[in-house]
Amino acid sequence: MEDRKDSELKRFCSRNLLVILGFSFILAVVALLAVGLTQNKSLPENVKYGIVLDAGSSHTSLYIYTWPAEKENDTGVVHQIEECKVKGPGISKYAQKVNDIELYLAECMERAREVVPQSQHQETPVYLGATAGMRLLRIENEPLANRVLNTVANSLSSYPFDFQGARIITGQEEGAYGWITINYLLGKFTQKLRWLNLMPKGDDTQGTYGALDLGGASTQITFVPQNKSTESPDNALHFRLYGKDYSIYTHSFLCYGKDQALMQKLAKDIQDTNGTLRDPCFHPGYEKVMNISDLYKSPCTKRFETTLPFHQFQIQGTGNYQQCQQSILQLFNTSYCPYSRCSFDGVFLPPLEGDFGAFSAFYYVMEFLNFTSGETPSQEKVMDKMKEFCSLRWEELKTNFGAVKEKYLSEYCFSGTYILSLLLNGYHFTADSWKHIHFMGKIRSSDVGWTLGYMLNLTNMIPAEQPSSTPLPHSTYIFLMVLFSLILVIVIVIAMSVFRKPSYFWKDTV
């Protein structure tokens, strides 16, 4: 009788223990899964958008950027997600037809409306920065420049975005923001972005690239000089980005963009002719007729303006690189320098330091001439190529490059020669420092230019939002995961003991 009671008690205890072990196992597994999935579920995306319009002298481009609301060292991590080129010339060309500006901007602004989620429209800032073309218009006719900007502002305000203003940025700003863009994309501000081959090997996160920008109406040079003290405070700017302070040298040469430099050269050279200019900067066989009034309407050519006995003149290309260079060098006044060292026109220039990224027209011209693939070719190779290229006959060139617009194609000889003259004789790059120039168009999916730097700097003014938080504090999450893991381990150990030595177990327990 007693044996029977013992047998029933064992079966009862066995059944209950198995139920308890099974329940505990399931409970621990469910708890681990629930805590893990809840804590590690993807948080709602919290991103911001920004739109910057680059209103240059020859064209306007719209860029859309996005960045996380939570910042890294007080500066947003900004990425370009869209580029839209506005069809037509720069906005300064609309000075006499401001009523066309709304239609001019419409296509790209509608594209922005599609790309930015509708829920973000009202909080997406829109900025328009006008550069050297509008600077020249302001010099020529300030009320007309203001009228253009007001019309642009009215047009952009009609869209459902947070319009922040349309203004003419200074040459210093243009140079500095281009410098910010290059160094951001090269990973110089944050170690997270160390992915580009152009970066120096080793631990060189503090060394920054200089920036060389060439537009249609101005050119900029910007870099961090070795000597922090400067002889010209007007050329010094200070930035704080990603928790670090930067002191940079920058200068913008208005009228020395490639288009205005060409106009200056023509205005200079036409003076000693009878209305026919045999120009070495254009290809043999090239001919073009220009109005004198068109030549002198820019403020950049006023210093060469004189009364001529003809109203039109004809350009006849002769295609000679050396003669073209000699004509261009006359644009740079290097006879006067009030500082220890100058570039040209009496402008202070500290010794060149480090690597430089050359973009905008620097890149587009050099890309056409096939100097941007691989390492930068030597100064001698570029000169030899320019001599050969400028000597090509115009008809042959049109046959070989029929898809290129005639205006651009006809000016590549001048533009390439001008770039060499500007870099070597204007900025005083040597054969050694030339090797440190890298011609850049895009880095990954982002255009190299001033607009990204502008956006990066502006995000310092946009307050960071509170980041989306996880459901449980990290310490609580760790505690629960450890607790339920221990329960699971204990259950498994007990279960293994029961099933491996059941008679020994029940002997001890009963």
Protein backbone atom coordinates (compact mmCIF):
# COMPACT_ATOMS: atom_id res chain seq x y z
CA MET A 1 0.00 0.00 0.00
CA GLU A 2 2.81 2.34 0.92
CA ASP A 3 4.64 1.50 -2.34
CA ARG A 4 1.54 2.37 -4.29
CA LYS A 5 1.26 5.76 -2.58
CA ASP A 6 4.93 6.44 -3.34
CA SER A 7 4.38 5.54 -6.99
CA GLU A 8 1.38 7.88 -7.30
CA LEU A 9 3.27 10.69 -5.58
CA LYS A 10 6.16 10.28 -8.00
CA ARG A 11 3.84 10.37 -11.00
CA PHE A 12 2.10 13.46 -9.58
CA CYS A 13 5.38 15.23 -8.93
CA SER A 14 6.70 14.19 -12.35
CA ARG A 15 3.68 15.57 -14.16
CA ASN A 16 3.73 18.86 -12.23
CA LEU A 17 7.47 19.29 -12.63
CA LEU A 18 7.25 18.74 -16.38
CA VAL A 19 4.40 21.26 -16.56
CA ILE A 20 6.38 23.80 -14.52
CA LEU A 21 9.56 23.26 -16.59
CA GLY A 22 7.65 23.49 -19.87
CA PHE A 23 5.77 26.59 -18.79
CA SER A 24 8.96 28.25 -17.53
CA PHE A 25 10.77 27.41 -20.80
CA ILE A 26 8.00 28.84 -22.97
CA LEU A 27 7.67 31.89 -20.74
CA ALA A 28 11.42 32.61 -20.89
CA VAL A 29 11.58 32.19 -24.67
CA VAL A 30 8.51 34.39 -25.24
CA ALA A 31 9.86 37.03 -22.85
CA LEU A 32 13.27 37.08 -24.58
CA LEU A 33 11.68 37.40 -28.01
CA ALA A 34 9.23 40.07 -26.87
CA VAL A 35 11.86 42.22 -25.15
CA GLY A 36 14.35 41.82 -28.03
CA LEU A 37 11.89 42.57 -30.83
CA THR A 38 10.31 45.49 -28.97
CA GLN A 39 13.62 47.11 -28.15
CA ASN A 40 15.20 46.57 -31.56
CA LYS A 41 12.29 47.35 -33.85
CA SER A 42 13.14 50.00 -36.47
CA LEU A 43 12.42 53.49 -35.19
CA PRO A 44 10.41 55.89 -37.32
CA GLU A 45 12.66 57.75 -39.78
CA ASN A 46 13.21 61.30 -38.58
CA VAL A 47 14.79 63.23 -41.45
CA LYS A 48 14.76 66.81 -42.61
CA TYR A 49 14.93 68.25 -46.13
CA GLY A 50 16.43 71.42 -47.52
CA ILE A 51 16.45 73.01 -50.97
CA VAL A 52 19.21 75.29 -52.28
CA LEU A 53 19.14 77.04 -55.65
CA ASP A 54 22.50 78.02 -57.12
CA ALA A 55 21.77 81.03 -59.32
CA GLY A 56 25.04 81.31 -61.23
CA SER A 57 26.07 83.68 -63.99
CA SER A 58 25.36 81.20 -66.80
CA HIS A 59 22.70 78.88 -65.36
CA THR A 60 20.66 77.97 -62.26
CA SER A 61 20.62 74.56 -60.56
CA LEU A 62 18.36 73.29 -57.78
CA TYR A 63 19.69 70.82 -55.20
CA ILE A 64 17.65 68.87 -52.64
CA TYR A 65 19.40 67.74 -49.46
CA THR A 66 18.34 65.55 -46.57
CA TRP A 67 19.81 65.05 -43.11
CA PRO A 68 18.81 63.32 -39.84
CA ALA A 69 17.10 65.54 -37.29
CA GLU A 70 19.63 64.36 -34.70
CA LYS A 71 22.94 66.09 -35.35
CA GLU A 72 26.54 65.02 -35.01
CA ASN A 73 28.54 67.54 -32.98
CA ASP A 74 25.94 70.24 -33.71
CA THR A 75 26.15 69.93 -37.53
CA GLY A 76 23.67 67.97 -39.63
CA VAL A 77 24.97 65.09 -41.75
CA VAL A 78 23.67 66.25 -45.12
CA HIS A 79 23.27 64.20 -48.33
CA GLN A 80 22.26 65.32 -51.81
CA ILE A 81 19.31 63.35 -53.15
CA GLU A 82 18.32 65.36 -56.24
CA GLU A 83 19.70 67.83 -58.78
CA CYS A 84 17.59 69.76 -61.29
CA LYS A 85 19.14 72.08 -63.90
CA VAL A 86 16.88 75.01 -64.71
CA LYS A 87 16.51 75.43 -68.46
CA GLY A 88 17.85 78.77 -69.64
CA PRO A 89 20.62 81.24 -68.71
CA GLY A 90 21.41 82.71 -65.29
CA ILE A 91 18.80 84.89 -63.55
CA SER A 92 20.80 88.06 -64.25
CA LYS A 93 19.87 87.62 -67.93
CA TYR A 94 16.19 88.07 -66.95
CA ALA A 95 16.76 91.66 -65.79
CA GLN A 96 14.75 93.01 -68.73
CA LYS A 97 12.13 90.25 -68.69
CA VAL A 98 11.37 89.56 -65.01
CA ASN A 99 7.86 88.37 -65.84
CA ASP A 100 9.42 85.20 -67.31
CA ILE A 101 11.15 84.23 -64.04
CA GLU A 102 8.16 82.35 -62.58
CA LEU A 103 7.97 80.05 -65.63
CA TYR A 104 11.77 79.78 -65.66
CA LEU A 105 11.82 78.28 -62.13
CA ALA A 106 8.58 76.28 -62.36
CA GLU A 107 9.83 72.94 -63.71
CA CYS A 108 12.51 72.40 -61.07
CA MET A 109 10.31 73.65 -58.22
CA GLU A 110 7.60 71.20 -59.27
CA ARG A 111 10.25 68.48 -59.24
CA ALA A 112 11.11 69.49 -55.65
CA ARG A 113 7.43 69.23 -54.75
CA GLU A 114 7.48 65.61 -55.98
CA VAL A 115 10.75 64.57 -54.29
CA VAL A 116 10.11 66.04 -50.82
CA PRO A 117 7.33 64.13 -48.99
CA GLN A 118 4.17 66.21 -48.80
CA SER A 119 4.11 65.94 -45.01
CA GLN A 120 7.50 67.72 -44.95
CA HIS A 121 6.71 70.54 -47.37
CA GLN A 122 5.87 73.25 -44.85
CA GLU A 123 9.01 72.65 -42.77
CA THR A 124 11.45 72.28 -45.69
CA PRO A 125 13.55 75.45 -46.04
CA VAL A 126 14.27 76.88 -49.50
CA TYR A 127 17.26 79.16 -50.08
CA LEU A 128 18.40 80.86 -53.29
CA GLY A 129 21.95 82.12 -53.51
CA ALA A 130 22.92 84.27 -56.48
CA THR A 131 26.60 84.51 -57.35
CA ALA A 132 28.84 86.61 -59.61
CA GLY A 133 26.35 87.25 -62.41
CA MET A 134 24.04 89.05 -59.99
CA ARG A 135 27.01 90.75 -58.29
CA LEU A 136 27.84 92.32 -61.63
CA LEU A 137 24.21 93.30 -62.25
CA ARG A 138 24.11 94.96 -58.82
CA ILE A 139 27.23 96.97 -59.72
CA GLU A 140 25.72 97.94 -63.06
CA ASN A 141 22.15 98.64 -61.89
CA GLU A 142 21.29 97.95 -58.24
CA PRO A 143 17.52 98.70 -58.51
CA LEU A 144 17.28 96.26 -61.42
CA ALA A 145 19.15 93.58 -59.43
CA ASN A 146 16.78 94.10 -56.50
CA ARG A 147 13.82 93.79 -58.84
CA VAL A 148 15.10 90.45 -60.13
CA LEU A 149 15.61 89.14 -56.56
CA ASN A 150 12.15 90.34 -55.48
CA THR A 151 10.53 88.59 -58.44
CA VAL A 152 12.45 85.41 -57.65
CA ALA A 153 11.37 85.67 -54.00
CA ASN A 154 7.71 86.12 -54.94
CA SER A 155 7.87 83.11 -57.24
CA LEU A 156 9.52 80.82 -54.70
CA SER A 157 7.15 81.99 -51.92
CA SER A 158 4.19 80.67 -53.89
CA TYR A 159 5.30 77.07 -53.33
CA PRO A 160 4.31 75.13 -50.17
CA PHE A 161 7.84 75.20 -48.73
CA ASP A 162 9.42 77.33 -46.01
CA PHE A 163 11.03 80.00 -48.21
CA GLN A 164 13.97 81.56 -46.37
CA GLY A 165 15.07 84.18 -48.85
CA ALA A 166 16.83 84.92 -52.13
CA ARG A 167 20.04 86.90 -51.83
CA ILE A 168 23.33 87.61 -53.53
CA ILE A 169 26.03 85.75 -51.62
CA THR A 170 29.46 87.33 -51.35
CA GLY A 171 32.50 86.01 -53.16
CA GLN A 172 34.00 85.06 -49.78
CA GLU A 173 30.93 83.00 -48.92
CA GLU A 174 31.01 81.26 -52.29
CA GLY A 175 34.66 80.30 -51.81
CA ALA A 176 34.23 79.25 -48.19
CA TYR A 177 31.14 77.11 -48.79
CA GLY A 178 32.91 75.36 -51.67
CA TRP A 179 35.77 74.59 -49.27
CA ILE A 180 33.29 73.14 -46.76
CA THR A 181 31.70 70.95 -49.46
CA ILE A 182 34.99 69.43 -50.60
CA ASN A 183 36.24 68.64 -47.12
CA TYR A 184 32.90 67.24 -46.02
CA LEU A 185 32.76 64.87 -48.98
CA LEU A 186 36.40 63.87 -48.48
CA GLY A 187 35.66 62.93 -44.88
CA LYS A 188 37.87 65.61 -43.36
CA PHE A 189 35.35 66.69 -40.75
CA THR A 190 34.21 63.28 -39.49
CA GLN A 191 36.01 59.96 -39.39
CA LYS A 192 32.79 58.21 -40.46
CA LEU A 193 33.32 59.37 -44.03
CA ARG A 194 36.81 57.94 -44.65
CA TRP A 195 35.96 56.26 -47.94
CA LEU A 196 37.50 58.25 -50.77
CA ASN A 197 40.76 57.20 -52.39
CA LEU A 198 41.82 60.82 -52.73
CA MET A 199 42.34 60.97 -48.97
CA PRO A 200 45.93 60.79 -47.78
CA LYS A 201 47.02 57.54 -46.25
CA GLY A 202 47.49 57.25 -42.53
CA ASP A 203 45.98 59.22 -39.70
CA ASP A 204 45.58 62.59 -41.40
CA THR A 205 42.05 63.52 -40.39
CA GLN A 206 43.05 67.09 -39.52
CA GLY A 207 44.60 67.98 -42.93
CA THR A 208 42.05 69.68 -45.18
CA TYR A 209 41.89 70.21 -48.94
CA GLY A 210 41.95 73.64 -50.50
CA ALA A 211 39.15 74.62 -52.91
CA LEU A 212 39.50 76.11 -56.39
CA ASP A 213 36.24 77.29 -57.95
CA LEU A 214 35.83 78.71 -61.46
CA GLY A 215 32.52 80.08 -62.70
CA GLY A 216 31.51 82.23 -65.61
CA ALA A 217 32.05 85.57 -63.86
CA SER A 218 34.32 84.88 -60.87
CA THR A 219 36.91 82.49 -59.49
CA GLN A 220 37.67 81.61 -55.86
CA ILE A 221 40.65 80.16 -54.00
CA THR A 222 40.21 78.93 -50.42
CA PHE A 223 42.46 76.92 -48.10
CA VAL A 224 43.79 76.65 -44.54
CA PRO A 225 47.16 78.43 -44.50
CA GLN A 226 50.04 77.09 -42.46
CA ASN A 227 50.45 80.44 -40.73
CA LYS A 228 47.23 81.20 -38.85
CA SER A 229 47.99 84.92 -38.65
CA THR A 230 47.14 86.75 -41.87
CA GLU A 231 48.40 89.98 -43.39
CA SER A 232 44.92 90.64 -44.82
CA PRO A 233 42.06 90.18 -42.30
CA ASP A 234 39.54 90.72 -45.12
CA ASN A 235 40.60 87.35 -46.55
CA ALA A 236 40.12 85.43 -43.29
CA LEU A 237 37.00 83.51 -42.29
CA HIS A 238 36.24 81.30 -39.29
CA PHE A 239 33.93 78.28 -39.11
CA ARG A 240 32.93 75.77 -36.47
CA LEU A 241 31.96 72.41 -37.96
CA TYR A 242 31.56 69.04 -36.23
CA GLY A 243 32.93 70.39 -32.98
CA LYS A 244 36.13 71.86 -34.46
CA ASP A 245 37.14 75.44 -35.33
CA TYR A 246 38.68 76.29 -38.72
CA SER A 247 40.43 79.49 -39.84
CA ILE A 248 40.64 79.75 -43.61
CA TYR A 249 42.02 82.09 -46.27
CA THR A 250 39.66 82.89 -49.13
CA HIS A 251 39.44 85.38 -51.97
CA SER A 252 37.04 85.78 -54.88
CA PHE A 253 38.20 87.46 -58.09
CA LEU A 254 35.18 89.08 -59.68
CA CYS A 255 35.49 89.39 -63.49
CA TYR A 256 37.97 86.51 -63.65
CA GLY A 257 35.51 83.72 -64.33
CA LYS A 258 36.14 82.16 -67.73
CA ASP A 259 33.34 84.01 -69.59
CA GLN A 260 34.19 87.46 -68.24
CA ALA A 261 37.93 86.83 -68.66
CA LEU A 262 37.28 86.10 -72.35
CA MET A 263 35.29 89.34 -72.67
CA GLN A 264 38.15 91.24 -71.03
CA LYS A 265 40.67 89.72 -73.41
CA LEU A 266 38.57 90.57 -76.47
CA ALA A 267 37.99 94.15 -75.24
CA LYS A 268 41.75 94.52 -74.74
CA ASP A 269 42.78 92.98 -78.06
CA ILE A 270 40.22 94.69 -80.32
CA GLN A 271 41.70 98.14 -79.65
CA ASP A 272 44.62 97.75 -82.07
CA THR A 273 42.63 96.37 -85.01
CA ASN A 274 40.57 97.69 -87.89
CA GLY A 275 37.56 95.54 -86.94
CA THR A 276 39.10 92.13 -87.66
CA LEU A 277 40.67 90.34 -84.69
CA ARG A 278 43.01 87.48 -85.55
CA ASP A 279 42.71 85.63 -82.25
CA PRO A 280 45.13 82.82 -81.25
CA CYS A 281 42.64 81.55 -78.61
CA PHE A 282 40.22 80.31 -81.29
CA HIS A 283 40.78 77.46 -83.75
CA PRO A 284 42.02 78.07 -87.31
CA GLY A 285 39.03 78.52 -89.59
CA TYR A 286 36.72 79.76 -86.81
CA GLU A 287 34.89 83.03 -87.50
CA LYS A 288 32.39 85.00 -85.45
CA VAL A 289 30.92 88.51 -85.58
CA MET A 290 30.30 90.42 -82.33
CA ASN A 291 28.76 93.78 -81.48
CA ILE A 292 30.98 96.29 -79.69
CA SER A 293 28.01 97.19 -77.47
CA ASP A 294 27.79 93.57 -76.25
CA LEU A 295 31.49 93.64 -75.47
CA TYR A 296 31.33 96.78 -73.34
CA LYS A 297 28.05 96.22 -71.50
CA SER A 298 29.73 94.26 -68.68
CA PRO A 299 31.34 96.15 -65.77
CA CYS A 300 34.33 93.81 -66.21
CA THR A 301 35.30 95.38 -69.55
CA LYS A 302 34.91 99.03 -68.54
CA ARG A 303 38.65 99.46 -67.98
CA PHE A 304 39.24 98.67 -71.69
CA GLU A 305 36.33 100.70 -73.07
CA THR A 306 37.27 103.20 -75.76
CA THR A 307 35.68 104.84 -78.78
CA LEU A 308 36.14 102.67 -81.86
CA PRO A 309 35.39 103.56 -85.51
CA PHE A 310 33.27 100.42 -85.98
CA HIS A 311 30.18 98.93 -84.27
CA GLN A 312 30.95 95.30 -85.01
CA PHE A 313 34.10 93.26 -85.24
CA GLN A 314 35.00 89.84 -86.60
CA ILE A 315 36.98 87.17 -84.77
CA GLN A 316 39.19 85.00 -86.98
CA GLY A 317 40.83 82.10 -85.16
CA THR A 318 44.54 81.35 -85.64
CA GLY A 319 44.91 78.61 -82.99
CA ASN A 320 48.24 79.24 -81.27
CA TYR A 321 48.56 78.21 -77.60
CA GLN A 322 51.68 80.26 -76.76
CA GLN A 323 50.28 83.47 -78.27
CA CYS A 324 46.93 82.85 -76.57
CA GLN A 325 48.68 82.47 -73.22
CA GLN A 326 50.66 85.69 -73.71
CA SER A 327 47.43 87.57 -74.41
CA ILE A 328 45.74 86.12 -71.31
CA LEU A 329 48.67 86.93 -69.01
CA GLN A 330 48.19 90.62 -69.76
CA LEU A 331 44.94 90.43 -67.77
CA PHE A 332 46.86 89.69 -64.55
CA ASN A 333 48.56 92.68 -62.98
CA THR A 334 51.52 91.25 -61.04
CA SER A 335 53.57 94.48 -60.92
CA TYR A 336 52.12 95.67 -57.62
CA CYS A 337 51.98 93.86 -54.24
CA PRO A 338 51.49 95.64 -50.89
CA TYR A 339 52.03 92.37 -48.98
CA SER A 340 54.87 89.88 -48.60
CA ARG A 341 53.24 87.70 -51.25
CA CYS A 342 50.41 88.26 -53.76
CA SER A 343 48.45 86.41 -56.42
CA PHE A 344 47.62 89.27 -58.84
CA ASP A 345 45.96 92.68 -58.79
CA GLY A 346 47.59 93.38 -55.40
CA VAL A 347 45.65 90.61 -53.59
CA PHE A 348 47.34 88.88 -50.66
CA LEU A 349 48.00 85.14 -51.10
CA PRO A 350 49.72 83.06 -48.40
CA PRO A 351 51.95 80.14 -49.46
CA LEU A 352 49.88 77.33 -50.98
CA GLU A 353 49.33 74.48 -48.56
CA GLY A 354 48.34 70.84 -49.14
CA ASP A 355 46.05 69.31 -51.77
CA PHE A 356 43.42 71.24 -53.71
CA GLY A 357 40.11 70.23 -55.24
CA ALA A 358 39.32 72.14 -58.46
CA PHE A 359 35.66 72.09 -59.48
CA SER A 360 32.91 73.78 -61.52
CA ALA A 361 34.42 75.08 -64.81
CA PHE A 362 37.87 73.85 -63.78
CA TYR A 363 36.46 70.34 -63.90
CA TYR A 364 34.16 70.69 -66.93
CA VAL A 365 36.89 72.07 -69.17
CA MET A 366 39.49 69.56 -68.01
CA GLU A 367 36.99 66.72 -68.39
CA PHE A 368 36.39 67.67 -72.03
CA LEU A 369 40.15 67.75 -72.60
CA ASN A 370 40.36 64.27 -70.99
CA PHE A 371 42.52 65.34 -68.04
CA THR A 372 40.22 64.09 -65.25
CA SER A 373 40.48 60.29 -65.59
CA GLY A 374 43.10 58.81 -63.28
CA GLU A 375 45.88 60.85 -61.73
CA THR A 376 46.31 64.51 -62.65
CA PRO A 377 48.67 64.65 -65.65
CA SER A 378 51.86 66.64 -65.34
CA GLN A 379 51.93 70.32 -66.16
CA GLU A 380 54.04 69.60 -69.26
CA LYS A 381 51.58 67.02 -70.61
CA VAL A 382 48.66 69.42 -70.19
CA MET A 383 50.55 72.15 -72.02
CA ASP A 384 51.49 69.80 -74.87
CA LYS A 385 47.87 68.70 -75.19
CA MET A 386 46.69 72.32 -75.26
CA LYS A 387 49.17 73.19 -78.02
CA GLU A 388 47.89 70.29 -80.09
CA PHE A 389 44.22 70.99 -79.34
CA CYS A 390 44.31 74.73 -80.11
CA SER A 391 45.95 74.06 -83.47
CA LEU A 392 43.09 71.79 -84.66
CA ARG A 393 41.06 73.26 -87.49
CA TRP A 394 37.53 74.33 -86.61
CA GLU A 395 35.84 72.14 -89.23
CA GLU A 396 37.73 69.09 -87.99
CA LEU A 397 36.76 69.87 -84.41
CA LYS A 398 33.07 70.21 -85.29
CA THR A 399 33.20 66.87 -87.10
CA ASN A 400 34.78 65.10 -84.12
CA PHE A 401 32.61 66.76 -81.44
CA GLY A 402 29.33 67.39 -83.22
CA ALA A 403 27.25 66.74 -80.09
CA VAL A 404 28.88 69.61 -78.14
CA LYS A 405 27.23 73.04 -78.32
CA GLU A 406 29.16 75.29 -80.69
CA LYS A 407 29.58 78.07 -78.10
CA TYR A 408 31.29 75.74 -75.62
CA LEU A 409 33.30 73.92 -78.28
CA SER A 410 34.68 77.12 -79.74
CA GLU A 411 35.88 78.35 -76.33
CA TYR A 412 37.66 75.25 -74.98
CA CYS A 413 41.01 76.41 -76.40
CA PHE A 414 40.70 79.72 -74.57
CA SER A 415 39.24 78.12 -71.40
CA GLY A 416 41.98 75.47 -71.13
CA THR A 417 44.72 78.05 -71.71
CA TYR A 418 43.08 80.42 -69.23
CA ILE A 419 42.91 77.71 -66.55
CA LEU A 420 46.62 76.97 -66.95
CA SER A 421 47.48 80.69 -66.86
CA LEU A 422 45.30 81.32 -63.80
CA LEU A 423 46.66 78.38 -61.80
CA LEU A 424 50.33 78.76 -62.75
CA ASN A 425 50.72 82.51 -63.15
CA GLY A 426 47.79 83.84 -61.11
CA TYR A 427 47.84 81.49 -58.11
CA HIS A 428 51.53 80.52 -58.53
CA PHE A 429 51.20 76.75 -58.56
CA THR A 430 54.55 75.18 -59.46
CA ALA A 431 55.39 71.94 -61.24
CA ASP A 432 55.50 70.25 -57.81
CA SER A 433 52.35 71.77 -56.30
CA TRP A 434 50.47 71.16 -59.59
CA LYS A 435 50.52 67.45 -58.69
CA HIS A 436 48.34 68.24 -55.68
CA ILE A 437 45.45 69.62 -57.77
CA HIS A 438 42.54 67.17 -58.18
CA PHE A 439 39.83 68.06 -60.70
CA MET A 440 36.47 67.07 -59.20
CA GLY A 441 32.91 67.00 -60.56
CA LYS A 442 30.97 64.64 -58.31
CA ILE A 443 32.05 62.70 -55.25
CA ARG A 444 29.79 59.68 -55.09
CA SER A 445 26.34 61.15 -55.71
CA SER A 446 27.01 64.70 -54.54
CA ASP A 447 28.00 67.60 -56.77
CA VAL A 448 31.07 69.53 -55.72
CA GLY A 449 30.11 73.18 -55.37
CA TRP A 450 29.18 75.78 -52.79
CA THR A 451 25.55 74.73 -52.20
CA LEU A 452 26.26 71.67 -50.02
CA GLY A 453 28.63 73.70 -47.86
CA TYR A 454 25.94 76.36 -47.61
CA MET A 455 23.45 73.77 -46.40
CA LEU A 456 25.96 72.30 -43.93
CA ASN A 457 26.63 75.70 -42.44
CA LEU A 458 22.94 76.51 -42.26
CA THR A 459 22.16 73.32 -40.35
CA ASN A 460 24.16 74.76 -37.47
CA MET A 461 21.29 77.24 -37.16
CA ILE A 462 18.57 74.58 -37.25
CA PRO A 463 17.92 73.19 -33.72
CA ALA A 464 18.41 69.45 -33.38
CA GLU A 465 15.25 67.60 -32.43
CA GLN A 466 15.00 65.08 -29.62
CA PRO A 467 15.93 61.71 -31.15
CA SER A 468 13.33 58.97 -31.26
CA SER A 469 13.96 56.84 -28.16
CA THR A 470 13.68 53.09 -27.67
CA PRO A 471 10.77 51.74 -25.53
CA LEU A 472 13.03 50.65 -22.64
CA PRO A 473 16.07 52.32 -21.09
CA HIS A 474 19.25 50.50 -22.08
CA SER A 475 19.99 49.34 -18.50
CA THR A 476 16.46 47.91 -18.09
CA TYR A 477 16.74 46.16 -21.45
CA ILE A 478 20.03 44.50 -20.45
CA PHE A 479 18.65 43.46 -17.03
CA LEU A 480 15.55 41.79 -18.51
CA MET A 481 17.55 40.01 -21.22
CA VAL A 482 20.00 38.63 -18.63
CA LEU A 483 17.18 37.63 -16.24
CA PHE A 484 15.16 35.72 -18.81
CA SER A 485 18.31 34.15 -20.24
CA LEU A 486 19.26 32.85 -16.78
CA ILE A 487 15.74 31.46 -16.28
CA LEU A 488 16.01 29.70 -19.62
CA VAL A 489 19.43 28.24 -18.76
CA ILE A 490 18.20 27.01 -15.31
CA VAL A 491 15.15 25.36 -16.89
CA ILE A 492 17.30 23.60 -19.48
CA VAL A 493 19.80 22.38 -16.84
CA ILE A 494 17.01 21.00 -14.59
CA ALA A 495 15.30 19.33 -17.54
CA MET A 496 18.55 17.66 -18.63
CA SER A 497 19.15 16.41 -15.08
CA VAL A 498 15.63 14.97 -14.86
CA PHE A 499 15.76 13.09 -18.12
CA ARG A 500 19.36 11.87 -17.88
CA LYS A 501 19.10 10.43 -14.28
CA PRO A 502 15.41 10.21 -13.40
CA SER A 503 15.73 7.48 -10.70
CA TYR A 504 18.46 9.38 -8.87
CA PHE A 505 16.48 12.60 -9.09
CA TRP A 506 13.25 11.13 -7.68
CA LYS A 507 15.14 9.31 -5.00
CA ASP A 508 16.47 12.58 -3.69
CA THR A 509 13.25 14.50 -4.08
CA VAL A 510 10.75 12.06 -2.54
